[in-house]
C-alpha atoms as a PDB file:
ATOM      1  CA  MET A   1      66.747  16.600  52.625  1.00  0.00           C
ATOM      2  CA  GLU A   2      68.511  16.074  55.960  1.00  0.00           C
ATOM      3  CA  ARG A   3      71.211  18.494  57.014  1.00  0.00           C
ATOM      4  CA  ALA A   4      74.458  16.885  58.154  1.00  0.00           C
ATOM      5  CA  LEU A   5      75.355  17.488  61.777  1.00  0.00           C
ATOM      6  CA  PRO A   6      78.563  19.411  62.417  1.00  0.00           C
ATOM      7  CA  LEU A   7      81.550  17.227  63.241  1.00  0.00           C
ATOM      8  CA  VAL A   8      84.632  18.244  65.222  1.00  0.00           C
ATOM      9  CA  GLN A   9      87.497  15.825  65.622  1.00  0.00           C
ATOM     10  CA  GLY A  10      90.630  15.735  67.729  1.00  0.00           C
ATOM     11  CA  GLN A  11      93.564  13.475  68.344  1.00  0.00           C
ATOM     12  CA  CYS A  12      96.465  13.161  70.730  1.00  0.00           C
ATOM     13  CA  HIS A  13      99.913  14.233  69.558  1.00  0.00           C
ATOM     14  CA  CYS A  14     100.970  10.789  68.348  1.00  0.00           C
ATOM     15  CA  GLY A  15      97.569   9.983  66.794  1.00  0.00           C
ATOM     16  CA  ALA A  16      96.999   6.778  68.787  1.00  0.00           C
ATOM     17  CA  VAL A  17      93.747   8.110  70.310  1.00  0.00           C
ATOM     18  CA  ARG A  18      91.107  10.110  68.459  1.00  0.00           C
ATOM     19  CA  TRP A  19      87.796  11.616  69.458  1.00  0.00           C
ATOM     20  CA  SER A  20      84.841  12.988  67.532  1.00  0.00           C
ATOM     21  CA  PHE A  21      82.013  15.283  68.599  1.00  0.00           C
ATOM     22  CA  HIS A  22      78.913  14.915  66.422  1.00  0.00           C
ATOM     23  CA  GLY A  23      76.625  17.940  66.520  1.00  0.00           C
ATOM     24  CA  GLU A  24      76.860  21.537  67.615  1.00  0.00           C
ATOM     25  CA  ILE A  25      79.245  22.211  70.514  1.00  0.00           C
ATOM     26  CA  PRO A  26      77.362  24.832  72.545  1.00  0.00           C
ATOM     27  CA  ASP A  27      80.310  25.927  74.665  1.00  0.00           C
ATOM     28  CA  ALA A  28      83.708  24.979  76.015  1.00  0.00           C
ATOM     29  CA  THR A  29      84.444  24.909  79.718  1.00  0.00           C
ATOM     30  CA  ILE A  30      87.598  26.410  81.126  1.00  0.00           C
ATOM     31  CA  CYS A  31      88.113  25.298  84.734  1.00  0.00           C
ATOM     32  CA  ASN A  32      90.566  26.344  87.425  1.00  0.00           C
ATOM     33  CA  CYS A  33      90.518  23.121  89.477  1.00  0.00           C
ATOM     34  CA  THR A  34      93.806  21.538  90.478  1.00  0.00           C
ATOM     35  CA  VAL A  35      93.797  19.178  87.475  1.00  0.00           C
ATOM     36  CA  CYS A  36      92.347  21.326  84.659  1.00  0.00           C
ATOM     37  CA  ARG A  37      94.503  24.380  85.340  1.00  0.00           C
ATOM     38  CA  ARG A  38      97.666  22.277  85.280  1.00  0.00           C
ATOM     39  CA  TYR A  39      96.808  20.783  81.912  1.00  0.00           C
ATOM     40  CA  GLY A  40      95.234  23.894  80.395  1.00  0.00           C
ATOM     41  CA  VAL A  41      92.329  21.907  78.971  1.00  0.00           C
ATOM     42  CA  LEU A  42      89.133  23.206  77.375  1.00  0.00           C
ATOM     43  CA  TRP A  43      86.277  20.721  77.785  1.00  0.00           C
ATOM     44  CA  ALA A  44      83.325  19.966  75.492  1.00  0.00           C
ATOM     45  CA  TYR A  45      80.696  17.813  77.248  1.00  0.00           C
ATOM     46  CA  ASP A  46      78.137  15.239  76.220  1.00  0.00           C
ATOM     47  CA  TYR A  47      77.596  11.507  76.773  1.00  0.00           C
ATOM     48  CA  ASP A  48      79.812   8.573  75.848  1.00  0.00           C
ATOM     49  CA  GLY A  49      78.610   7.019  72.598  1.00  0.00           C
ATOM     50  CA  HIS A  50      76.076   9.777  71.913  1.00  0.00           C
ATOM     51  CA  ALA A  51      77.652  12.987  70.553  1.00  0.00           C
ATOM     52  CA  ILE A  52      81.123  11.972  71.745  1.00  0.00           C
ATOM     53  CA  HIS A  53      83.006   8.944  70.457  1.00  0.00           C
ATOM     54  CA  ILE A  54      86.515   7.942  71.552  1.00  0.00           C
ATOM     55  CA  GLU A  55      88.630   5.769  69.255  1.00  0.00           C
ATOM     56  CA  ASP A  56      91.409   3.892  71.036  1.00  0.00           C
ATOM     57  CA  PRO A  57      92.153   0.966  68.686  1.00  0.00           C
ATOM     58  CA  LYS A  58      95.403  -0.037  70.425  1.00  0.00           C
ATOM     59  CA  ALA A  59      93.938   0.331  73.953  1.00  0.00           C
ATOM     60  CA  VAL A  60      96.544   2.893  75.029  1.00  0.00           C
ATOM     61  CA  LEU A  61      94.297   5.163  77.126  1.00  0.00           C
ATOM     62  CA  ALA A  62      95.368   5.296  80.754  1.00  0.00           C
ATOM     63  CA  ALA A  63      93.029   6.551  83.473  1.00  0.00           C
ATOM     64  CA  TYR A  64      93.899   8.755  86.437  1.00  0.00           C
ATOM     65  CA  VAL A  65      91.370   9.054  89.265  1.00  0.00           C
ATOM     66  CA  CYS A  66      91.947  11.651  91.957  1.00  0.00           C
ATOM     67  CA  GLY A  67      89.902  12.998  94.847  1.00  0.00           C
ATOM     68  CA  SER A  68      86.378  11.642  94.875  1.00  0.00           C
ATOM     69  CA  PRO A  69      86.194   8.615  92.604  1.00  0.00           C
ATOM     70  CA  SER A  70      83.509  10.034  90.311  1.00  0.00           C
ATOM     71  CA  ILE A  71      85.508  10.748  87.133  1.00  0.00           C
ATOM     72  CA  SER A  72      88.665   9.544  85.455  1.00  0.00           C
ATOM     73  CA  PHE A  73      91.059  11.716  83.485  1.00  0.00           C
ATOM     74  CA  ASN A  74      92.150   9.731  80.435  1.00  0.00           C
ATOM     75  CA  PHE A  75      95.588  10.135  78.878  1.00  0.00           C
ATOM     76  CA  CYS A  76      97.247   8.650  75.833  1.00  0.00           C
ATOM     77  CA  GLY A  77      99.711   6.108  77.197  1.00  0.00           C
ATOM     78  CA  VAL A  78     102.056   6.778  74.276  1.00  0.00           C
ATOM     79  CA  CYS A  79     102.394  10.584  74.085  1.00  0.00           C
ATOM     80  CA  GLY A  80     100.771  11.621  77.381  1.00  0.00           C
ATOM     81  CA  ASN A  81      98.091  13.996  76.025  1.00  0.00           C
ATOM     82  CA  LEU A  82      95.016  14.413  78.208  1.00  0.00           C
ATOM     83  CA  VAL A  83      92.218  13.269  75.889  1.00  0.00           C
ATOM     84  CA  SER A  84      89.053  13.188  78.022  1.00  0.00           C
ATOM     85  CA  TRP A  85      87.417  12.809  81.364  1.00  0.00           C
ATOM     86  CA  ARG A  86      84.706  10.244  81.897  1.00  0.00           C
ATOM     87  CA  GLY A  87      82.171   9.588  84.607  1.00  0.00           C
ATOM     88  CA  LEU A  88      82.883   6.348  86.435  1.00  0.00           C
ATOM     89  CA  LYS A  89      79.222   5.525  87.026  1.00  0.00           C
ATOM     90  CA  PRO A  90      76.336   5.831  84.582  1.00  0.00           C
ATOM     91  CA  LEU A  91      73.602   8.334  85.372  1.00  0.00           C
ATOM     92  CA  ALA A  92      70.089   7.192  86.301  1.00  0.00           C
ATOM     93  CA  ASP A  93      69.143   7.142  82.594  1.00  0.00           C
ATOM     94  CA  GLY A  94      72.078   4.819  81.788  1.00  0.00           C
ATOM     95  CA  ARG A  95      74.170   7.409  79.954  1.00  0.00           C
ATOM     96  CA  THR A  96      77.754   8.162  80.998  1.00  0.00           C
ATOM     97  CA  ARG A  97      78.936  11.768  81.097  1.00  0.00           C
ATOM     98  CA  ILE A  98      82.145  12.478  79.200  1.00  0.00           C
ATOM     99  CA  ALA A  99      84.125  15.493  78.033  1.00  0.00           C
ATOM    100  CA  VAL A 100      86.815  15.795  75.379  1.00  0.00           C
ATOM    101  CA  ASN A 101      89.771  18.159  75.359  1.00  0.00           C
ATOM    102  CA  LEU A 102      89.170  20.723  72.607  1.00  0.00           C
ATOM    103  CA  ARG A 103      92.857  21.630  72.586  1.00  0.00           C
ATOM    104  CA  LEU A 104      93.378  18.406  70.619  1.00  0.00           C
ATOM    105  CA  ALA A 105      91.197  19.714  67.748  1.00  0.00           C
ATOM    106  CA  GLU A 106      92.377  21.938  64.931  1.00  0.00           C
ATOM    107  CA  PRO A 107      92.291  25.551  66.210  1.00  0.00           C
ATOM    108  CA  GLU A 108      90.123  26.868  63.373  1.00  0.00           C
ATOM    109  CA  ASP A 109      87.502  24.165  64.018  1.00  0.00           C
ATOM    110  CA  VAL A 110      86.856  25.321  67.590  1.00  0.00           C
ATOM    111  CA  ALA A 111      87.891  29.003  67.561  1.00  0.00           C
ATOM    112  CA  ARG A 112      84.356  30.483  67.694  1.00  0.00           C
ATOM    113  CA  ILE A 113      82.995  28.244  70.458  1.00  0.00           C
ATOM    114  CA  PRO A 114      81.995  30.411  73.444  1.00  0.00           C
ATOM    115  CA  LEU A 115      83.774  29.826  76.744  1.00  0.00           C
ATOM    116  CA  ARG A 116      82.019  28.908  79.950  1.00  0.00           C
ATOM    117  CA  ARG A 117      84.070  29.544  83.087  1.00  0.00           C
ATOM    118  CA  PHE A 118      83.809  27.103  85.982  1.00  0.00           C
ATOM    119  CA  ASP A 119      85.317  27.662  89.430  1.00  0.00           C
ATOM    120  CA  GLY A 120      86.336  24.112  90.254  1.00  0.00           C
ATOM    121  CA  LEU A 121      88.854  25.277  92.827  1.00  0.00           C
ATOM    122  CA  HIS A 122      86.759  27.243  95.327  1.00  0.00           C
ATOM    123  CA  SER A 123      82.995  27.432  94.821  1.00  0.00           C
ATOM    124  CA  PHE A 124      82.334  24.607  92.336  1.00  0.00           C
ATOM    125  CA  GLU A 125      79.993  26.981  90.466  1.00  0.00           C
ATOM    126  CA  ASP A 126      79.761  28.562  87.047  1.00  0.00           C
ATOM    127  CA  LEU A 127      81.207  32.080  86.825  1.00  0.00           C
ATOM    128  CA  PRO A 128      79.548  34.884  84.851  1.00  0.00           C
ATOM    129  CA  PRO A 129      80.239  34.799  81.106  1.00  0.00           C
ATOM    130  CA  ASP A 130      82.877  37.252  79.920  1.00  0.00           C
ATOM    131  CA  GLY A 131      82.282  37.090  76.154  1.00  0.00           C
ATOM    132  CA  ARG A 132      85.426  35.134  75.314  1.00  0.00           C
ATOM    133  CA  HIS A 133      85.691  32.278  72.829  1.00  0.00           C
ATOM    134  CA  VAL A 134      88.175  29.431  72.508  1.00  0.00           C
ATOM    135  CA  ALA A 135      90.367  31.528  70.175  1.00  0.00           C
ATOM    136  CA  ASP A 136      90.788  34.097  72.968  1.00  0.00           C
ATOM    137  CA  VAL A 137      92.599  31.600  75.202  1.00  0.00           C
ATOM    138  CA  TRP A 138      94.412  29.525  72.598  1.00  0.00           C
ATOM    139  CA  PHE A 139      97.826  30.957  73.597  1.00  0.00           C
END
């Protein structure tokens, strides 16, 4: 008997854009770069069309590209929520890196996911773990 993979889902405030993460989310990244700190996002990473699926049936996602043109930040064009970031070029294996904003999920669904801290402002390196989980930074 196969065990069902965990599923976490999120949606923007107006519900026009939804995302799903199929499988275990190993950690959430909290970043202090000039974009992430302004939006207060918590990222869960995988590959577009693999563990992460974005549903945008009315084609309302709007992309913002800043700095080096390697990723786009994708917002709902109706309510303005930051939904995801997406690599602009596929990797050598053909997959495209993507991350979804866990703040768009139900809090209880993501509360126990461990946090990974990333210094995107100065060193562009991971910082030592501090034992916090998503629930510790929800407010």
